[in-house]
Amino acid sequence: MVRSPLSLTSKAMATNPSLVVLGFRRQIVYHLHFWALVAVLPLVMVQWEQGHLLLSALLALFCVNAVLVIVCLRWWKFYFLQGWPFVLLAILSSTYSTVINGHAGLYWAYPAAAAVFFLLPLRSAIACNALFVVTMSVVSFQRFPEADFWRITFSLGLTCIFALIFAWLVGRLKEELVQIATTDPLTGCLNRSQLADMLNSQIQMRERYERVSSIVLLDLDYFKDINDRWGHVTGDRVLKEISARMKARLRESDKMFRIGGEEFMLVLPETRQREAEQLTQQLLINIASSPLIDNIMATASAGVTEVKKGDTWSTWLNRADQALYQAKHRGRNCLVGGQEPIQASATIVSPAS
């Protein structure tokens, strides 16, 4: 059994579903190139000894590309030329081998066609394999009896269709698994799995391009009272309503996370502290000014902070957490940021009243 050097050893990759999927795809690419190299390398000498110098050269280039891909993935985690050399050389080699070797070359067309769907984006793979099937049909029509021509055309076409369906279903499955792993099932917000990556990307924008972002930590006040009085099902409905109200006010580029039971975090790209505080005050007023469900009123507190030079994601988040703690300590239904605490101008009604 070959042990891949691309196993997910990083803690970040182990907790970030998107990186796990990327690592899974690299595993597929690595093993396809490794086992193709093992199978094709002896054929270079075989075709050379048979006097098929052009085919031997094509196979040698295929092997060189496989080695480059394996080396780049192993040491630099870089996918060399994104699979195109493998696809083009595999198609050329199997087509030309069929021309000069007959059925002996034809057998290589089937694994080549299947591999295309796992190395290229789906639309590119469909186009490549459609052209491949047409080319092989023309070669088969000229090279083999008519009965063989029809068998080859339909069998190769069906192989492509089956591989297409499988690759499409695997792609859909990966997308759905990432969606499930990164989304809070109750509110539809993002969960903590991508939090560090999201904050780090905003920190990099600050360091490289002076593009400032802000984050908001927002926590519902006295949420335990809602659960105790009306039950957890009602509490869940309250959380869904609050998240829906906030999402309606956010831009498409803003990201909303649920990071605790009743605690949310907003990542606001291209937003300075003052603008983030203005938005947060509007959100607090929106939450407190009208019943959430069944005449249940609630308020929230928030901490707002802008990213600073030299921040790590943990120091940035900790600063927002300290601001939220101060907002709770100073009476709730307010926000604390770079300025003095700002009170939400809405009537506060205790959920327990």
Protein backbone atom coordinates (compact mmCIF):
# COMPACT_ATOMS: atom_id res chain seq x y z
CA MET A 1 0.00 0.00 0.00
CA VAL A 2 1.41 3.42 -0.99
CA ARG A 3 1.21 6.00 1.78
CA SER A 4 0.54 9.47 0.39
CA PRO A 5 2.69 12.32 1.73
CA LEU A 6 -0.34 14.61 1.58
CA SER A 7 -2.14 13.40 4.68
CA LEU A 8 -3.80 16.18 6.66
CA THR A 9 -1.43 16.76 9.53
CA SER A 10 -2.10 20.45 10.08
CA LYS A 11 -4.61 21.29 12.79
CA ALA A 12 -6.02 24.00 10.56
CA MET A 13 -6.69 21.54 7.76
CA ALA A 14 -8.19 19.06 10.20
CA THR A 15 -10.74 21.63 11.40
CA ASN A 16 -11.44 23.54 8.19
CA PRO A 17 -13.76 21.54 5.90
CA SER A 18 -12.75 23.49 2.80
CA LEU A 19 -9.10 22.59 3.36
CA VAL A 20 -10.06 18.98 4.02
CA VAL A 21 -11.82 18.85 0.63
CA LEU A 22 -8.77 20.43 -1.02
CA GLY A 23 -6.57 17.80 0.62
CA PHE A 24 -8.93 15.06 -0.57
CA ARG A 25 -8.66 16.31 -4.16
CA ARG A 26 -4.88 16.41 -3.91
CA GLN A 27 -4.93 12.81 -2.72
CA ILE A 28 -6.84 11.83 -5.86
CA VAL A 29 -4.45 13.76 -8.10
CA TYR A 30 -1.41 12.30 -6.36
CA HIS A 31 -2.53 8.68 -6.64
CA LEU A 32 -3.68 9.02 -10.26
CA HIS A 33 -0.27 10.32 -11.28
CA PHE A 34 1.63 7.83 -9.12
CA TRP A 35 -0.10 4.71 -10.41
CA ALA A 36 -0.16 6.01 -13.98
CA LEU A 37 3.60 6.50 -13.71
CA VAL A 38 4.02 2.93 -12.45
CA ALA A 39 1.94 1.56 -15.34
CA VAL A 40 3.35 3.69 -18.17
CA LEU A 41 7.07 3.81 -17.33
CA PRO A 42 7.83 0.26 -18.60
CA LEU A 43 5.96 1.02 -21.84
CA VAL A 44 8.49 3.72 -22.73
CA MET A 45 11.16 1.06 -23.27
CA VAL A 46 8.72 -1.40 -24.84
CA GLN A 47 7.65 1.07 -27.52
CA TRP A 48 11.26 2.19 -28.03
CA GLU A 49 12.38 -1.39 -28.65
CA GLN A 50 9.50 -1.87 -31.10
CA GLY A 51 10.68 1.14 -33.07
CA HIS A 52 7.74 3.41 -32.14
CA LEU A 53 9.95 6.37 -31.28
CA LEU A 54 7.23 9.05 -31.33
CA LEU A 55 4.96 7.05 -29.03
CA SER A 56 7.91 6.32 -26.75
CA ALA A 57 8.66 10.06 -26.59
CA LEU A 58 5.03 10.88 -25.75
CA LEU A 59 5.03 8.29 -22.98
CA ALA A 60 8.34 9.62 -21.66
CA LEU A 61 6.88 13.14 -21.49
CA PHE A 62 3.88 11.69 -19.68
CA CYS A 63 6.18 10.13 -17.09
CA VAL A 64 8.18 13.34 -16.67
CA ASN A 65 4.96 15.26 -16.04
CA ALA A 66 3.81 12.65 -13.51
CA VAL A 67 7.10 12.97 -11.62
CA LEU A 68 6.84 16.78 -11.59
CA VAL A 69 3.27 16.64 -10.27
CA ILE A 70 4.20 14.16 -7.54
CA VAL A 71 7.25 16.19 -6.48
CA CYS A 72 5.36 19.51 -6.49
CA LEU A 73 2.51 18.07 -4.45
CA ARG A 74 4.83 16.38 -1.98
CA TRP A 75 7.17 19.27 -1.22
CA TRP A 76 5.31 22.44 -2.20
CA LYS A 77 1.61 21.42 -2.11
CA PHE A 78 1.41 22.84 -5.64
CA TYR A 79 -0.57 21.18 -8.44
CA PHE A 80 1.69 21.46 -11.50
CA LEU A 81 -0.25 22.82 -14.51
CA GLN A 82 -3.56 21.65 -13.02
CA GLY A 83 -3.69 18.26 -14.76
CA TRP A 84 -3.65 19.43 -18.39
CA PRO A 85 -0.38 17.70 -19.40
CA PHE A 86 -1.71 14.38 -18.04
CA VAL A 87 -4.94 14.71 -20.01
CA LEU A 88 -3.41 15.85 -23.30
CA LEU A 89 -0.55 13.34 -23.27
CA ALA A 90 -2.82 10.46 -22.20
CA ILE A 91 -5.29 11.21 -25.01
CA LEU A 92 -2.56 11.68 -27.62
CA SER A 93 -0.69 8.55 -26.55
CA SER A 94 -3.73 6.26 -26.47
CA THR A 95 -5.01 7.60 -29.81
CA TYR A 96 -1.66 7.25 -31.54
CA SER A 97 -1.07 3.83 -29.95
CA THR A 98 -4.42 2.67 -31.34
CA VAL A 99 -3.38 3.86 -34.79
CA ILE A 100 -0.12 1.93 -34.79
CA ASN A 101 -0.81 -0.93 -32.36
CA GLY A 102 -4.49 -1.66 -32.96
CA HIS A 103 -6.41 -3.16 -30.06
CA ALA A 104 -3.31 -3.16 -27.84
CA GLY A 105 -3.39 0.64 -27.85
CA LEU A 106 -7.16 0.88 -27.59
CA TYR A 107 -7.21 -0.60 -24.09
CA TRP A 108 -5.48 2.51 -22.71
CA ALA A 109 -8.24 4.81 -23.92
CA TYR A 110 -10.66 3.68 -21.20
CA PRO A 111 -8.59 4.55 -18.09
CA ALA A 112 -7.49 7.77 -19.79
CA ALA A 113 -11.10 8.84 -20.38
CA ALA A 114 -12.07 8.04 -16.78
CA ALA A 115 -9.09 9.92 -15.32
CA VAL A 116 -9.98 13.11 -17.19
CA PHE A 117 -13.08 13.62 -15.02
CA PHE A 118 -11.00 13.61 -11.84
CA LEU A 119 -8.26 15.93 -13.08
CA LEU A 120 -10.11 18.75 -14.86
CA PRO A 121 -13.11 20.92 -14.03
CA LEU A 122 -16.29 19.15 -15.10
CA ARG A 123 -17.07 21.28 -18.16
CA SER A 124 -13.49 21.05 -19.45
CA ALA A 125 -13.51 17.29 -18.85
CA ILE A 126 -16.76 16.88 -20.80
CA ALA A 127 -15.37 18.86 -23.75
CA CYS A 128 -12.08 16.92 -23.76
CA ASN A 129 -13.75 13.54 -23.58
CA ALA A 130 -16.34 14.41 -26.23
CA LEU A 131 -13.49 15.27 -28.60
CA PHE A 132 -11.63 12.13 -27.47
CA VAL A 133 -14.59 9.84 -28.22
CA VAL A 134 -15.09 11.41 -31.65
CA THR A 135 -11.38 11.03 -32.45
CA MET A 136 -11.29 7.41 -31.30
CA SER A 137 -14.43 6.70 -33.34
CA VAL A 138 -12.76 8.03 -36.48
CA VAL A 139 -9.61 5.99 -35.78
CA SER A 140 -11.69 2.86 -35.05
CA PHE A 141 -13.71 3.31 -38.24
CA GLN A 142 -10.51 3.40 -40.29
CA ARG A 143 -8.57 0.81 -38.31
CA PHE A 144 -11.11 -1.92 -37.38
CA PRO A 145 -14.08 -3.76 -38.88
CA GLU A 146 -17.45 -2.01 -38.70
CA ALA A 147 -18.71 -4.22 -35.89
CA ASP A 148 -15.67 -3.33 -33.79
CA PHE A 149 -16.15 0.35 -34.65
CA TRP A 150 -19.64 0.35 -33.12
CA ARG A 151 -18.54 -1.62 -30.06
CA ILE A 152 -15.62 0.72 -29.42
CA THR A 153 -17.65 3.90 -29.93
CA PHE A 154 -20.49 2.88 -27.64
CA SER A 155 -18.33 1.24 -24.96
CA LEU A 156 -15.97 4.24 -24.77
CA GLY A 157 -18.93 6.62 -24.79
CA LEU A 158 -20.64 4.71 -21.97
CA THR A 159 -17.39 4.67 -19.99
CA CYS A 160 -17.26 8.46 -20.26
CA ILE A 161 -20.90 8.81 -19.24
CA PHE A 162 -20.49 6.54 -16.21
CA ALA A 163 -17.31 8.35 -15.14
CA LEU A 164 -19.06 11.71 -15.67
CA ILE A 165 -21.98 10.70 -13.45
CA PHE A 166 -19.68 9.41 -10.73
CA ALA A 167 -17.45 12.51 -10.80
CA TRP A 168 -20.49 14.80 -10.76
CA LEU A 169 -22.01 12.96 -7.78
CA VAL A 170 -18.69 13.06 -5.90
CA GLY A 171 -18.47 16.81 -6.57
CA ARG A 172 -22.02 17.37 -5.33
CA LEU A 173 -21.33 15.26 -2.27
CA LYS A 174 -18.21 17.28 -1.42
CA GLU A 175 -20.13 20.55 -1.80
CA GLU A 176 -22.94 19.35 0.43
CA LEU A 177 -20.55 18.02 3.06
CA VAL A 178 -18.70 21.34 3.14
CA GLN A 179 -22.04 23.15 3.42
CA ILE A 180 -23.11 20.94 6.31
CA ALA A 181 -19.75 21.22 8.05
CA THR A 182 -19.47 25.01 7.76
CA THR A 183 -23.07 26.08 8.42
CA ASP A 184 -25.05 26.24 11.62
CA PRO A 185 -28.12 24.08 10.93
CA LEU A 186 -30.50 26.23 13.04
CA THR A 187 -29.77 29.75 11.76
CA GLY A 188 -27.98 29.12 8.46
CA CYS A 189 -25.04 31.22 9.67
CA LEU A 190 -21.46 30.10 9.26
CA ASN A 191 -20.01 28.17 12.19
CA ARG A 192 -16.60 28.35 13.83
CA SER A 193 -14.87 25.99 11.38
CA GLN A 194 -13.75 28.79 9.04
CA LEU A 195 -13.50 31.58 11.58
CA ALA A 196 -9.71 31.71 11.85
CA ASP A 197 -9.24 31.65 8.06
CA MET A 198 -11.79 34.41 7.58
CA LEU A 199 -10.13 36.66 10.17
CA ASN A 200 -6.65 35.90 8.85
CA SER A 201 -7.69 36.87 5.32
CA GLN A 202 -8.90 40.26 6.59
CA ILE A 203 -5.69 40.73 8.58
CA GLN A 204 -3.66 40.07 5.43
CA MET A 205 -5.70 42.66 3.53
CA ARG A 206 -4.89 45.13 6.31
CA GLU A 207 -1.18 44.36 6.30
CA ARG A 208 -0.70 44.30 2.53
CA TYR A 209 -3.16 46.84 1.17
CA GLU A 210 -4.20 49.00 4.16
CA ARG A 211 -7.79 47.80 3.72
CA VAL A 212 -9.47 47.96 7.11
CA SER A 213 -12.13 45.55 8.36
CA SER A 214 -14.12 45.33 11.58
CA ILE A 215 -15.75 42.58 13.57
CA VAL A 216 -18.79 42.63 15.82
CA LEU A 217 -19.51 40.21 18.63
CA LEU A 218 -23.21 40.30 19.47
CA ASP A 219 -24.82 38.39 22.33
CA LEU A 220 -28.52 38.15 23.16
CA ASP A 221 -29.35 39.45 26.65
CA TYR A 222 -31.08 37.17 29.17
CA PHE A 223 -31.51 34.40 26.63
CA LYS A 224 -31.62 31.81 29.42
CA ASP A 225 -34.82 33.47 30.67
CA ILE A 226 -36.44 32.92 27.27
CA ASN A 227 -35.51 29.22 27.30
CA ASP A 228 -36.65 28.79 30.91
CA ARG A 229 -40.01 30.52 30.43
CA TRP A 230 -41.05 29.51 26.91
CA GLY A 231 -38.90 26.47 26.23
CA HIS A 232 -35.97 25.66 23.96
CA VAL A 233 -38.10 25.35 20.84
CA THR A 234 -39.22 28.95 21.27
CA GLY A 235 -35.64 29.93 22.05
CA ASP A 236 -34.55 28.39 18.74
CA ARG A 237 -37.24 30.38 16.91
CA VAL A 238 -35.97 33.56 18.58
CA LEU A 239 -32.42 32.85 17.39
CA LYS A 240 -33.64 32.21 13.85
CA GLU A 241 -35.59 35.47 13.84
CA ILE A 242 -32.65 37.49 15.17
CA SER A 243 -30.27 36.01 12.60
CA ALA A 244 -32.78 36.72 9.82
CA ARG A 245 -33.11 40.36 10.90
CA MET A 246 -29.36 40.83 10.95
CA LYS A 247 -28.79 39.08 7.61
CA ALA A 248 -31.35 41.38 5.98
CA ARG A 249 -29.23 44.38 7.00
CA LEU A 250 -25.84 43.00 5.92
CA ARG A 251 -24.08 43.32 2.60
CA GLU A 252 -23.28 40.32 0.43
CA SER A 253 -19.59 40.63 1.33
CA ASP A 254 -20.30 40.60 5.07
CA LYS A 255 -20.07 37.27 6.87
CA MET A 256 -22.16 36.18 9.83
CA PHE A 257 -21.10 33.41 12.22
CA ARG A 258 -22.91 31.75 15.08
CA ILE A 259 -20.10 31.03 17.52
CA GLY A 260 -22.06 30.13 20.63
CA GLY A 261 -25.53 29.39 21.87
CA GLU A 262 -26.82 32.96 21.54
CA GLU A 263 -23.62 34.66 20.40
CA PHE A 264 -23.01 35.84 16.84
CA MET A 265 -20.04 37.39 15.09
CA LEU A 266 -20.11 39.68 12.07
CA VAL A 267 -17.07 40.12 9.83
CA LEU A 268 -17.39 43.42 7.96
CA PRO A 269 -14.79 43.84 5.18
CA GLU A 270 -13.86 47.38 4.10
CA THR A 271 -15.54 48.78 7.21
CA ARG A 272 -13.96 51.11 9.74
CA GLN A 273 -14.75 51.22 13.44
CA ARG A 274 -17.18 54.14 13.23
CA GLU A 275 -19.14 52.58 10.36
CA ALA A 276 -19.26 49.23 12.17
CA GLU A 277 -20.56 50.93 15.31
CA GLN A 278 -23.29 52.69 13.33
CA LEU A 279 -24.38 49.40 11.76
CA THR A 280 -24.30 47.61 15.10
CA GLN A 281 -26.41 50.29 16.77
CA GLN A 282 -29.00 49.88 14.01
CA LEU A 283 -28.99 46.10 14.55
CA LEU A 284 -29.48 46.47 18.32
CA ILE A 285 -32.36 48.88 17.79
CA ASN A 286 -33.92 46.54 15.24
CA ILE A 287 -33.74 43.63 17.69
CA ALA A 288 -35.12 45.57 20.67
CA SER A 289 -37.77 47.72 18.99
CA SER A 290 -40.33 45.07 18.05
CA PRO A 291 -41.38 41.60 19.23
CA LEU A 292 -39.33 38.75 17.85
CA ILE A 293 -42.05 36.07 17.97
CA ASP A 294 -45.25 35.68 19.98
CA ASN A 295 -44.81 39.12 21.62
CA ILE A 296 -41.44 38.09 23.05
CA MET A 297 -39.15 41.09 23.34
CA ALA A 298 -35.39 40.86 23.70
CA THR A 299 -32.26 42.99 23.58
CA ALA A 300 -28.64 42.32 22.69
CA SER A 301 -25.21 43.63 23.60
CA ALA A 302 -22.25 44.00 21.29
CA GLY A 303 -18.52 44.58 21.12
CA VAL A 304 -17.04 46.24 18.04
CA THR A 305 -13.40 46.50 17.02
CA GLU A 306 -11.38 47.36 13.94
CA VAL A 307 -8.37 45.32 12.88
CA LYS A 308 -5.02 46.89 13.77
CA LYS A 309 -1.54 46.38 12.41
CA GLY A 310 0.19 43.49 14.12
CA ASP A 311 -3.05 41.77 15.10
CA THR A 312 -3.43 38.03 14.99
CA TRP A 313 -6.90 36.60 14.61
CA SER A 314 -6.95 35.63 18.28
CA THR A 315 -5.90 39.06 19.58
CA TRP A 316 -8.42 40.76 17.30
CA LEU A 317 -11.21 38.45 18.45
CA ASN A 318 -10.17 38.78 22.10
CA ARG A 319 -10.41 42.58 21.84
CA ALA A 320 -13.98 42.27 20.56
CA ASP A 321 -14.77 39.79 23.33
CA GLN A 322 -13.50 42.22 25.97
CA ALA A 323 -15.65 44.98 24.47
CA LEU A 324 -18.69 42.69 24.60
CA TYR A 325 -17.93 41.90 28.25
CA GLN A 326 -17.86 45.63 29.02
CA ALA A 327 -21.21 46.11 27.24
CA LYS A 328 -22.72 43.39 29.44
CA HIS A 329 -21.14 44.90 32.54
CA ARG A 330 -22.47 48.39 31.75
CA GLY A 331 -26.13 47.40 31.62
CA ARG A 332 -26.65 45.47 28.38
CA ASN A 333 -28.58 46.65 25.29
CA CYS A 334 -25.56 48.69 24.22
CA LEU A 335 -22.36 48.38 22.27
CA VAL A 336 -18.79 49.06 23.30
CA GLY A 337 -16.12 49.88 20.76
CA GLY A 338 -13.54 52.55 20.23
CA GLN A 339 -15.78 55.19 21.78
CA GLU A 340 -17.87 55.31 24.95
CA PRO A 341 -20.65 52.72 25.18
CA ILE A 342 -23.61 53.57 22.93
CA GLN A 343 -27.08 52.82 24.25
CA ALA A 344 -29.61 51.42 21.81
CA SER A 345 -32.48 53.91 21.68
CA ALA A 346 -35.32 51.46 22.08
CA THR A 347 -37.54 50.48 24.96
CA ILE A 348 -36.12 47.52 26.84
CA VAL A 349 -38.61 44.89 27.91
CA SER A 350 -37.29 42.06 29.99
CA PRO A 351 -38.19 38.72 28.46
CA ALA A 352 -39.03 37.47 31.93
CA SER A 353 -41.56 40.24 32.57
